[in-house]
């Protein structure tokens, strides 16, 4: 993502650390290449988007003023929003 700083919420970090290294790396790579990924704005949530990475979803919120990307949640597709 270039000059953007990525901040991961504690709950999202716990989920990431619980994944196998290969899957964790795939999600990390997808976050780094965010604009090329499958991203959609979440309805009913102000300034929140989701990134689809295989069977996982990454919910994030960009702050354009500080160029910070806050990763709020990482979860398996079946859990829902």
Protein backbone atom coordinates (compact mmCIF):
# COMPACT_ATOMS: atom_id res chain seq x y z
CA UNK A 1 0.00 0.00 0.00
CA UNK A 2 2.94 2.29 -0.35
CA UNK A 3 3.16 4.99 2.31
CA UNK A 4 0.12 3.90 4.30
CA UNK A 5 0.62 2.77 7.89
CA UNK A 6 -1.31 -0.37 8.87
CA UNK A 7 -2.68 -0.70 12.40
CA UNK A 8 -4.22 -4.02 13.45
CA UNK A 9 -6.83 -4.13 16.24
CA UNK A 10 -6.11 -6.60 19.07
CA UNK A 11 -8.99 -8.93 18.13
CA UNK A 12 -7.89 -9.03 14.49
CA UNK A 13 -4.28 -9.69 15.55
CA UNK A 14 -5.41 -12.58 17.76
CA UNK A 15 -7.25 -14.13 14.81
CA UNK A 16 -4.27 -13.65 12.49
CA UNK A 17 -1.85 -15.20 14.96
CA UNK A 18 -4.13 -18.22 15.27
CA UNK A 19 -3.97 -18.93 11.54
CA UNK A 20 -1.44 -21.16 9.86
CA UNK A 21 1.55 -19.13 8.56
CA UNK A 22 0.71 -19.66 4.90
CA UNK A 23 -2.83 -18.29 5.30
CA UNK A 24 -1.61 -15.42 7.49
CA UNK A 25 0.89 -14.42 4.79
CA UNK A 26 -1.81 -14.56 2.11
CA UNK A 27 -3.97 -12.16 4.12
CA UNK A 28 -1.00 -9.86 4.80
CA UNK A 29 -0.15 -9.77 1.08
CA UNK A 30 -3.78 -8.96 0.25
CA UNK A 31 -3.81 -6.10 2.77
CA UNK A 32 -0.59 -4.70 1.29
CA UNK A 33 -2.11 -4.81 -2.23
CA UNK A 34 -5.49 -3.57 -1.04
CA UNK A 35 -6.52 -1.49 -4.02
CA UNK A 36 -6.11 -4.47 -6.36
CA UNK A 37 -8.24 -6.74 -4.16
CA UNK A 38 -11.94 -7.52 -3.87
CA UNK A 39 -13.00 -4.55 -1.73
CA UNK A 40 -16.55 -3.39 -1.01
CA UNK A 41 -17.98 -0.71 1.26
CA UNK A 42 -20.03 -2.16 4.10
CA UNK A 43 -23.62 -0.94 4.26
CA UNK A 44 -24.66 0.60 7.54
CA UNK A 45 -21.07 1.08 8.70
CA UNK A 46 -19.51 4.47 8.32
CA UNK A 47 -16.13 4.39 6.53
CA UNK A 48 -15.72 0.61 6.81
CA UNK A 49 -14.86 -1.74 3.99
CA UNK A 50 -14.28 -5.45 3.58
CA UNK A 51 -11.54 -7.22 1.71
CA UNK A 52 -12.22 -10.77 0.57
CA UNK A 53 -9.22 -13.12 0.81
CA UNK A 54 -10.31 -16.64 -0.08
CA UNK A 55 -12.53 -17.89 2.76
CA UNK A 56 -11.58 -14.98 5.02
CA UNK A 57 -12.83 -11.42 5.32
CA UNK A 58 -10.83 -8.43 6.51
CA UNK A 59 -12.84 -5.43 7.75
CA UNK A 60 -10.88 -2.20 7.67
CA UNK A 61 -11.28 1.54 7.93
CA UNK A 62 -8.99 3.95 6.06
CA UNK A 63 -8.08 7.36 7.48
CA UNK A 64 -7.02 9.45 4.50
CA UNK A 65 -5.84 12.40 6.62
CA UNK A 66 -3.20 10.35 8.46
CA UNK A 67 -2.77 7.69 5.75
CA UNK A 68 -3.55 4.99 8.31
CA UNK A 69 -5.39 1.78 7.56
CA UNK A 70 -7.03 0.25 10.64
CA UNK A 71 -7.65 -3.49 10.32
CA UNK A 72 -10.64 -3.98 12.61
CA UNK A 73 -11.62 -7.63 12.12
CA UNK A 74 -10.40 -10.79 10.41
CA UNK A 75 -12.79 -13.72 10.30
CA UNK A 76 -13.85 -16.76 8.35
CA UNK A 77 -16.56 -16.28 5.76
CA UNK A 78 -19.13 -18.30 7.67
CA UNK A 79 -19.14 -16.03 10.70
CA UNK A 80 -20.71 -13.08 8.88
CA UNK A 81 -20.57 -9.40 9.66
